[in-house]
Amino acid sequence: LCLKEMGYGVKKISFYEISTNKTLPINLPTKDDIKEFS
């Protein structure tokens, strides 16, 4: 949300687990998710 407000495009978000060298994709927040966050 910070990046979006600052004018950056964000198409994907994920966690990267260093110990296993794995990327764990997370869904972008929906309107309901943003309401929950707010």
All heavy atoms as atom14 arrays in JSON, in Angstrom:
{
  "sequence": "LCLKEMGYGVKKISFYEISTNKTLPINLPTKDDIKEFS",
  "atom14_mask": [
    [1, 1, 1, 1, 1, 1, 1, 1, 0, 0, 0, 0, 0, 0],
    [1, 1, 1, 1, 1, 1, 0, 0, 0, 0, 0, 0, 0, 0],
    [1, 1, 1, 1, 1, 1, 1, 1, 0, 0, 0, 0, 0, 0],
    [1, 1, 1, 1, 1, 1, 1, 1, 1, 0, 0, 0, 0, 0],
    [1, 1, 1, 1, 1, 1, 1, 1, 1, 0, 0, 0, 0, 0],
    [1, 1, 1, 1, 1, 1, 1, 1, 0, 0, 0, 0, 0, 0],
    [1, 1, 1, 1, 0, 0, 0, 0, 0, 0, 0, 0, 0, 0],
    [1, 1, 1, 1, 1, 1, 1, 1, 1, 1, 1, 1, 0, 0],
    [1, 1, 1, 1, 0, 0, 0, 0, 0, 0, 0, 0, 0, 0],
    [1, 1, 1, 1, 1, 1, 1, 0, 0, 0, 0, 0, 0, 0],
    [1, 1, 1, 1, 1, 1, 1, 1, 1, 0, 0, 0, 0, 0],
    [1, 1, 1, 1, 1, 1, 1, 1, 1, 0, 0, 0, 0, 0],
    [1, 1, 1, 1, 1, 1, 1, 1, 0, 0, 0, 0, 0, 0],
    [1, 1, 1, 1, 1, 1, 0, 0, 0, 0, 0, 0, 0, 0],
    [1, 1, 1, 1, 1, 1, 1, 1, 1, 1, 1, 0, 0, 0],
    [1, 1, 1, 1, 1, 1, 1, 1, 1, 1, 1, 1, 0, 0],
    [1, 1, 1, 1, 1, 1, 1, 1, 1, 0, 0, 0, 0, 0],
    [1, 1, 1, 1, 1, 1, 1, 1, 0, 0, 0, 0, 0, 0],
    [1, 1, 1, 1, 1, 1, 0, 0, 0, 0, 0, 0, 0, 0],
    [1, 1, 1, 1, 1, 1, 1, 0, 0, 0, 0, 0, 0, 0],
    [1, 1, 1, 1, 1, 1, 1, 1, 0, 0, 0, 0, 0, 0],
    [1, 1, 1, 1, 1, 1, 1, 1, 1, 0, 0, 0, 0, 0],
    [1, 1, 1, 1, 1, 1, 1, 0, 0, 0, 0, 0, 0, 0],
    [1, 1, 1, 1, 1, 1, 1, 1, 0, 0, 0, 0, 0, 0],
    [1, 1, 1, 1, 1, 1, 1, 0, 0, 0, 0, 0, 0, 0],
    [1, 1, 1, 1, 1, 1, 1, 1, 0, 0, 0, 0, 0, 0],
    [1, 1, 1, 1, 1, 1, 1, 1, 0, 0, 0, 0, 0, 0],
    [1, 1, 1, 1, 1, 1, 1, 1, 0, 0, 0, 0, 0, 0],
    [1, 1, 1, 1, 1, 1, 1, 0, 0, 0, 0, 0, 0, 0],
    [1, 1, 1, 1, 1, 1, 1, 0, 0, 0, 0, 0, 0, 0],
    [1, 1, 1, 1, 1, 1, 1, 1, 1, 0, 0, 0, 0, 0],
    [1, 1, 1, 1, 1, 1, 1, 1, 0, 0, 0, 0, 0, 0],
    [1, 1, 1, 1, 1, 1, 1, 1, 0, 0, 0, 0, 0, 0],
    [1, 1, 1, 1, 1, 1, 1, 1, 0, 0, 0, 0, 0, 0],
    [1, 1, 1, 1, 1, 1, 1, 1, 1, 0, 0, 0, 0, 0],
    [1, 1, 1, 1, 1, 1, 1, 1, 1, 0, 0, 0, 0, 0],
    [1, 1, 1, 1, 1, 1, 1, 1, 1, 1, 1, 0, 0, 0],
    [1, 1, 1, 1, 1, 1, 0, 0, 0, 0, 0, 0, 0, 0]
  ],
  "atom14_positions": [
    [[0.83, -1.21, 0.0], [0.0, 0.0, 0.0], [0.86, 1.26, 0.0], [0.52, 2.25, -0.66], [-0.96, -0.03, 1.19], [-2.04, -1.12, 1.1], [-2.73, -1.3, 2.45], [-3.05, -0.81, 0.01], [0.0, 0.0, 0.0], [0.0, 0.0, 0.0], [0.0, 0.0, 0.0], [0.0, 0.0, 0.0], [0.0, 0.0, 0.0], [0.0, 0.0, 0.0]],
    [[1.97, 1.22, 0.71], [2.9, 2.36, 0.69], [3.46, 2.58, -0.71], [3.45, 3.7, -1.22], [4.05, 2.13, 1.67], [3.62, 2.26, 3.42], [0.0, 0.0, 0.0], [0.0, 0.0, 0.0], [0.0, 0.0, 0.0], [0.0, 0.0, 0.0], [0.0, 0.0, 0.0], [0.0, 0.0, 0.0], [0.0, 0.0, 0.0], [0.0, 0.0, 0.0]],
    [[3.95, 1.51, -1.33], [4.51, 1.63, -2.67], [3.47, 2.17, -3.65], [3.77, 3.04, -4.47], [5.04, 0.28, -3.16], [6.39, -0.16, -2.62], [6.72, -1.58, -3.06], [7.5, 0.8, -3.06], [0.0, 0.0, 0.0], [0.0, 0.0, 0.0], [0.0, 0.0, 0.0], [0.0, 0.0, 0.0], [0.0, 0.0, 0.0], [0.0, 0.0, 0.0]],
    [[2.25, 1.65, -3.58], [1.18, 2.1, -4.48], [0.93, 3.6, -4.28], [0.83, 4.35, -5.25], [-0.11, 1.31, -4.24], [-0.03, -0.15, -4.58], [0.06, -0.42, -6.06], [-1.27, -0.24, -6.72], [-1.28, -0.54, -8.14], [0.0, 0.0, 0.0], [0.0, 0.0, 0.0], [0.0, 0.0, 0.0], [0.0, 0.0, 0.0], [0.0, 0.0, 0.0]],
    [[0.82, 4.02, -3.03], [0.57, 5.44, -2.74], [1.74, 6.31, -3.2], [1.54, 7.46, -3.59], [0.32, 5.63, -1.24], [-0.13, 7.03, -0.88], [-0.5, 7.18, 0.58], [-1.12, 6.26, 1.17], [-0.18, 8.25, 1.15], [0.0, 0.0, 0.0], [0.0, 0.0, 0.0], [0.0, 0.0, 0.0], [0.0, 0.0, 0.0], [0.0, 0.0, 0.0]],
    [[2.93, 5.76, -3.17], [4.12, 6.5, -3.6], [4.29, 6.49, -5.12], [5.24, 7.07, -5.64], [5.37, 5.92, -2.91], [5.4, 6.16, -1.41], [6.72, 5.25, -0.55], [8.19, 5.97, -1.28], [0.0, 0.0, 0.0], [0.0, 0.0, 0.0], [0.0, 0.0, 0.0], [0.0, 0.0, 0.0], [0.0, 0.0, 0.0], [0.0, 0.0, 0.0]],
    [[3.38, 5.83, -5.84], [3.38, 5.87, -7.29], [4.06, 4.69, -7.98], [4.24, 4.7, -9.19], [0.0, 0.0, 0.0], [0.0, 0.0, 0.0], [0.0, 0.0, 0.0], [0.0, 0.0, 0.0], [0.0, 0.0, 0.0], [0.0, 0.0, 0.0], [0.0, 0.0, 0.0], [0.0, 0.0, 0.0], [0.0, 0.0, 0.0], [0.0, 0.0, 0.0]],
    [[4.42, 3.66, -7.22], [5.05, 2.49, -7.81], [3.98, 1.48, -8.22], [3.01, 1.27, -7.49], [6.01, 1.81, -6.82], [7.26, 2.6, -6.56], [7.29, 3.58, -5.57], [8.41, 2.37, -7.3], [8.44, 4.32, -5.33], [9.57, 3.1, -7.07], [9.57, 4.07, -6.08], [10.71, 4.81, -5.85], [0.0, 0.0, 0.0], [0.0, 0.0, 0.0]],
    [[4.16, 0.85, -9.36], [3.28, -0.23, -9.77], [3.71, -1.51, -9.08], [4.9, -1.81, -9.01], [0.0, 0.0, 0.0], [0.0, 0.0, 0.0], [0.0, 0.0, 0.0], [0.0, 0.0, 0.0], [0.0, 0.0, 0.0], [0.0, 0.0, 0.0], [0.0, 0.0, 0.0], [0.0, 0.0, 0.0], [0.0, 0.0, 0.0], [0.0, 0.0, 0.0]],
    [[2.75, -2.24, -8.56], [3.06, -3.51, -7.92], [2.07, -4.55, -8.45], [0.88, -4.45, -8.21], [2.97, -3.43, -6.37], [3.36, -4.77, -5.74], [3.83, -2.31, -5.82], [0.0, 0.0, 0.0], [0.0, 0.0, 0.0], [0.0, 0.0, 0.0], [0.0, 0.0, 0.0], [0.0, 0.0, 0.0], [0.0, 0.0, 0.0], [0.0, 0.0, 0.0]],
    [[2.61, -5.52, -9.17], [1.78, -6.58, -9.74], [1.84, -7.87, -8.92], [0.93, -8.68, -8.98], [2.22, -6.89, -11.17], [1.95, -5.76, -12.13], [2.35, -6.14, -13.53], [2.08, -4.99, -14.49], [2.59, -5.3, -15.84], [0.0, 0.0, 0.0], [0.0, 0.0, 0.0], [0.0, 0.0, 0.0], [0.0, 0.0, 0.0], [0.0, 0.0, 0.0]],
    [[2.94, -8.06, -8.18], [3.12, -9.28, -7.39], [3.75, -8.94, -6.05], [4.59, -8.05, -5.97], [4.04, -10.27, -8.12], [3.53, -10.81, -9.42], [4.52, -11.83, -9.95], [4.65, -11.73, -11.44], [5.74, -12.53, -11.97], [0.0, 0.0, 0.0], [0.0, 0.0, 0.0], [0.0, 0.0, 0.0], [0.0, 0.0, 0.0], [0.0, 0.0, 0.0]],
    [[3.35, -9.72, -5.05], [3.97, -9.62, -3.73], [4.3, -11.05, -3.27], [3.57, -11.99, -3.6], [3.11, -8.88, -2.69], [1.76, -9.56, -2.47], [2.91, -7.43, -3.11], [0.91, -8.93, -1.38], [0.0, 0.0, 0.0], [0.0, 0.0, 0.0], [0.0, 0.0, 0.0], [0.0, 0.0, 0.0], [0.0, 0.0, 0.0], [0.0, 0.0, 0.0]],
    [[5.38, -11.18, -2.53], [5.75, -12.52, -2.07], [6.7, -12.44, -0.89], [7.31, -11.4, -0.61], [6.39, -13.32, -3.2], [7.57, -12.69, -3.64], [0.0, 0.0, 0.0], [0.0, 0.0, 0.0], [0.0, 0.0, 0.0], [0.0, 0.0, 0.0], [0.0, 0.0, 0.0], [0.0, 0.0, 0.0], [0.0, 0.0, 0.0], [0.0, 0.0, 0.0]],
    [[6.81, -13.56, -0.22], [7.84, -13.77, 0.78], [8.94, -14.59, 0.13], [8.67, -15.43, -0.74], [7.31, -14.53, 2.0], [6.37, -13.74, 2.85], [5.0, -13.96, 2.79], [6.85, -12.76, 3.71], [4.13, -13.22, 3.57], [5.98, -12.01, 4.49], [4.62, -12.25, 4.42], [0.0, 0.0, 0.0], [0.0, 0.0, 0.0], [0.0, 0.0, 0.0]],
    [[10.15, -14.35, 0.55], [11.27, -15.17, 0.11], [11.87, -15.79, 1.36], [12.3, -15.08, 2.27], [12.32, -14.33, -0.63], [13.58, -15.09, -0.93], [13.58, -16.09, -1.89], [14.75, -14.82, -0.24], [14.74, -16.82, -2.15], [15.91, -15.53, -0.51], [15.89, -16.53, -1.46], [17.04, -17.25, -1.72], [0.0, 0.0, 0.0], [0.0, 0.0, 0.0]],
    [[11.86, -17.12, 1.41], [12.42, -17.84, 2.55], [13.87, -18.17, 2.26], [14.18, -19.0, 1.39], [11.61, -19.12, 2.83], [12.05, -19.83, 4.09], [11.19, -21.04, 4.39], [10.86, -21.8, 3.44], [10.86, -21.23, 5.56], [0.0, 0.0, 0.0], [0.0, 0.0, 0.0], [0.0, 0.0, 0.0], [0.0, 0.0, 0.0], [0.0, 0.0, 0.0]],
    [[14.76, -17.5, 2.96], [16.19, -17.61, 2.73], [16.7, -19.01, 3.01], [17.49, -19.56, 2.24], [16.94, -16.56, 3.56], [16.55, -15.15, 3.11], [18.45, -16.75, 3.48], [16.93, -14.05, 4.05], [0.0, 0.0, 0.0], [0.0, 0.0, 0.0], [0.0, 0.0, 0.0], [0.0, 0.0, 0.0], [0.0, 0.0, 0.0], [0.0, 0.0, 0.0]],
    [[16.24, -19.62, 4.09], [16.77, -20.93, 4.5], [16.48, -22.02, 3.48], [17.22, -23.01, 3.4], [16.22, -21.34, 5.87], [14.81, -21.5, 5.8], [0.0, 0.0, 0.0], [0.0, 0.0, 0.0], [0.0, 0.0, 0.0], [0.0, 0.0, 0.0], [0.0, 0.0, 0.0], [0.0, 0.0, 0.0], [0.0, 0.0, 0.0], [0.0, 0.0, 0.0]],
    [[15.42, -21.87, 2.69], [15.08, -22.89, 1.69], [15.22, -22.38, 0.26], [14.99, -23.14, -0.68], [13.63, -23.36, 1.89], [12.75, -22.26, 1.7], [13.42, -23.99, 3.25], [0.0, 0.0, 0.0], [0.0, 0.0, 0.0], [0.0, 0.0, 0.0], [0.0, 0.0, 0.0], [0.0, 0.0, 0.0], [0.0, 0.0, 0.0], [0.0, 0.0, 0.0]],
    [[15.55, -21.1, 0.12], [15.66, -20.48, -1.2], [14.36, -20.59, -1.99], [14.36, -20.84, -3.19], [16.83, -21.08, -1.99], [17.2, -20.25, -3.19], [17.05, -19.04, -3.2], [17.69, -20.9, -4.24], [0.0, 0.0, 0.0], [0.0, 0.0, 0.0], [0.0, 0.0, 0.0], [0.0, 0.0, 0.0], [0.0, 0.0, 0.0], [0.0, 0.0, 0.0]],
    [[13.23, -20.4, -1.29], [11.91, -20.51, -1.93], [11.18, -19.17, -1.89], [11.22, -18.46, -0.89], [11.05, -21.56, -1.24], [11.52, -22.97, -1.47], [10.57, -23.97, -0.83], [11.1, -25.38, -1.03], [10.3, -26.36, -0.31], [0.0, 0.0, 0.0], [0.0, 0.0, 0.0], [0.0, 0.0, 0.0], [0.0, 0.0, 0.0], [0.0, 0.0, 0.0]],
    [[10.49, -18.9, -2.99], [9.62, -17.74, -3.06], [8.2, -18.21, -2.8], [7.75, -19.2, -3.4], [9.72, -17.07, -4.45], [11.07, -16.64, -4.64], [8.79, -15.88, -4.55], [0.0, 0.0, 0.0], [0.0, 0.0, 0.0], [0.0, 0.0, 0.0], [0.0, 0.0, 0.0], [0.0, 0.0, 0.0], [0.0, 0.0, 0.0], [0.0, 0.0, 0.0]],
    [[7.5, -17.52, -1.91], [6.13, -17.88, -1.56], [5.2, -16.73, -1.97], [5.09, -15.74, -1.25], [6.04, -18.14, -0.05], [7.05, -19.16, 0.48], [7.24, -19.03, 1.97], [6.63, -20.56, 0.1], [0.0, 0.0, 0.0], [0.0, 0.0, 0.0], [0.0, 0.0, 0.0], [0.0, 0.0, 0.0], [0.0, 0.0, 0.0], [0.0, 0.0, 0.0]],
    [[4.55, -16.87, -3.13], [3.68, -15.79, -3.61], [2.47, -15.6, -2.69], [1.95, -16.56, -2.13], [3.22, -16.28, -4.99], [4.0, -17.5, -5.3], [4.59, -18.01, -4.03], [0.0, 0.0, 0.0], [0.0, 0.0, 0.0], [0.0, 0.0, 0.0], [0.0, 0.0, 0.0], [0.0, 0.0, 0.0], [0.0, 0.0, 0.0], [0.0, 0.0, 0.0]],
    [[2.06, -14.35, -2.56], [0.9, -13.97, -1.76], [-0.04, -13.2, -2.7], [0.42, -12.41, -3.52], [1.31, -13.07, -0.57], [2.34, -13.79, 0.32], [0.12, -12.61, 0.24], [1.84, -15.04, 1.0], [0.0, 0.0, 0.0], [0.0, 0.0, 0.0], [0.0, 0.0, 0.0], [0.0, 0.0, 0.0], [0.0, 0.0, 0.0], [0.0, 0.0, 0.0]],
    [[-1.34, -13.43, -2.55], [-2.3, -12.69, -3.37], [-2.26, -11.21, -3.01], [-2.13, -10.85, -1.84], [-3.72, -13.22, -3.16], [-3.9, -14.62, -3.72], [-3.25, -15.0, -4.69], [-4.77, -15.39, -3.11], [0.0, 0.0, 0.0], [0.0, 0.0, 0.0], [0.0, 0.0, 0.0], [0.0, 0.0, 0.0], [0.0, 0.0, 0.0], [0.0, 0.0, 0.0]],
    [[-2.42, -10.37, -4.02], [-2.56, -8.93, -3.76], [-3.81, -8.73, -2.93], [-4.8, -9.45, -3.09], [-2.66, -8.16, -5.07], [-1.41, -8.13, -5.95], [-1.71, -7.41, -7.26], [-0.25, -7.47, -5.24], [0.0, 0.0, 0.0], [0.0, 0.0, 0.0], [0.0, 0.0, 0.0], [0.0, 0.0, 0.0], [0.0, 0.0, 0.0], [0.0, 0.0, 0.0]],
    [[-3.8, -7.74, -2.04], [-4.99, -7.52, -1.21], [-6.18, -7.06, -2.05], [-6.05, -6.23, -2.95], [-4.54, -6.44, -0.22], [-3.37, -5.78, -0.85], [-2.73, -6.8, -1.74], [0.0, 0.0, 0.0], [0.0, 0.0, 0.0], [0.0, 0.0, 0.0], [0.0, 0.0, 0.0], [0.0, 0.0, 0.0], [0.0, 0.0, 0.0], [0.0, 0.0, 0.0]],
    [[-7.34, -7.62, -1.72], [-8.6, -7.22, -2.36], [-9.15, -6.0, -1.62], [-8.6, -5.58, -0.59], [-9.63, -8.36, -2.26], [-9.93, -8.58, -0.86], [-9.1, -9.65, -2.88], [0.0, 0.0, 0.0], [0.0, 0.0, 0.0], [0.0, 0.0, 0.0], [0.0, 0.0, 0.0], [0.0, 0.0, 0.0], [0.0, 0.0, 0.0], [0.0, 0.0, 0.0]],
    [[-10.27, -5.48, -2.09], [-10.92, -4.36, -1.39], [-11.29, -4.77, 0.02], [-11.15, -3.99, 0.97], [-12.15, -3.9, -2.16], [-11.83, -3.1, -3.39], [-13.1, -2.6, -4.07], [-12.73, -1.84, -5.34], [-13.89, -1.32, -6.03], [0.0, 0.0, 0.0], [0.0, 0.0, 0.0], [0.0, 0.0, 0.0], [0.0, 0.0, 0.0], [0.0, 0.0, 0.0]],
    [[-11.79, -6.0, 0.19], [-12.14, -6.49, 1.52], [-10.9, -6.61, 2.41], [-10.94, -6.31, 3.6], [-12.86, -7.84, 1.44], [-14.28, -7.73, 0.89], [-14.86, -6.61, 0.91], [-14.81, -8.76, 0.44], [0.0, 0.0, 0.0], [0.0, 0.0, 0.0], [0.0, 0.0, 0.0], [0.0, 0.0, 0.0], [0.0, 0.0, 0.0], [0.0, 0.0, 0.0]],
    [[-9.8, -7.07, 1.82], [-8.54, -7.17, 2.57], [-8.07, -5.79, 3.03], [-7.61, -5.62, 4.16], [-7.45, -7.82, 1.72], [-7.71, -9.28, 1.39], [-8.42, -9.96, 2.16], [-7.18, -9.74, 0.36], [0.0, 0.0, 0.0], [0.0, 0.0, 0.0], [0.0, 0.0, 0.0], [0.0, 0.0, 0.0], [0.0, 0.0, 0.0], [0.0, 0.0, 0.0]],
    [[-8.18, -4.82, 2.15], [-7.74, -3.46, 2.5], [-8.64, -2.88, 3.59], [-8.15, -2.21, 4.5], [-7.69, -2.56, 1.24], [-6.58, -3.08, 0.31], [-7.46, -1.1, 1.61], [-6.54, -2.44, -1.05], [0.0, 0.0, 0.0], [0.0, 0.0, 0.0], [0.0, 0.0, 0.0], [0.0, 0.0, 0.0], [0.0, 0.0, 0.0], [0.0, 0.0, 0.0]],
    [[-9.92, -3.2, 3.57], [-10.83, -2.78, 4.64], [-10.42, -3.45, 5.95], [-10.36, -2.81, 7.01], [-12.27, -3.15, 4.27], [-13.28, -3.0, 5.39], [-13.62, -1.56, 5.67], [-14.81, -1.42, 6.56], [-14.52, -1.14, 7.95], [0.0, 0.0, 0.0], [0.0, 0.0, 0.0], [0.0, 0.0, 0.0], [0.0, 0.0, 0.0], [0.0, 0.0, 0.0]],
    [[-10.12, -4.74, 5.89], [-9.65, -5.47, 7.08], [-8.37, -4.83, 7.62], [-8.22, -4.62, 8.83], [-9.39, -6.94, 6.71], [-8.78, -7.76, 7.82], [-8.34, -9.14, 7.35], [-8.95, -9.7, 6.41], [-7.37, -9.67, 7.93], [0.0, 0.0, 0.0], [0.0, 0.0, 0.0], [0.0, 0.0, 0.0], [0.0, 0.0, 0.0], [0.0, 0.0, 0.0]],
    [[-7.44, -4.52, 6.72], [-6.19, -3.89, 7.12], [-6.44, -2.53, 7.76], [-5.87, -2.2, 8.79], [-5.26, -3.76, 5.9], [-3.96, -3.09, 6.21], [-2.95, -3.77, 6.85], [-3.74, -1.76, 5.87], [-1.75, -3.15, 7.16], [-2.55, -1.13, 6.17], [-1.55, -1.83, 6.81], [0.0, 0.0, 0.0], [0.0, 0.0, 0.0], [0.0, 0.0, 0.0]],
    [[-7.31, -1.75, 7.14], [-7.65, -0.42, 7.67], [-8.25, -0.52, 9.07], [-7.91, 0.26, 9.97], [-8.62, 0.27, 6.71], [-8.93, 1.55, 7.17], [0.0, 0.0, 0.0], [0.0, 0.0, 0.0], [0.0, 0.0, 0.0], [0.0, 0.0, 0.0], [0.0, 0.0, 0.0], [0.0, 0.0, 0.0], [0.0, 0.0, 0.0], [0.0, 0.0, 0.0]]
  ]
}
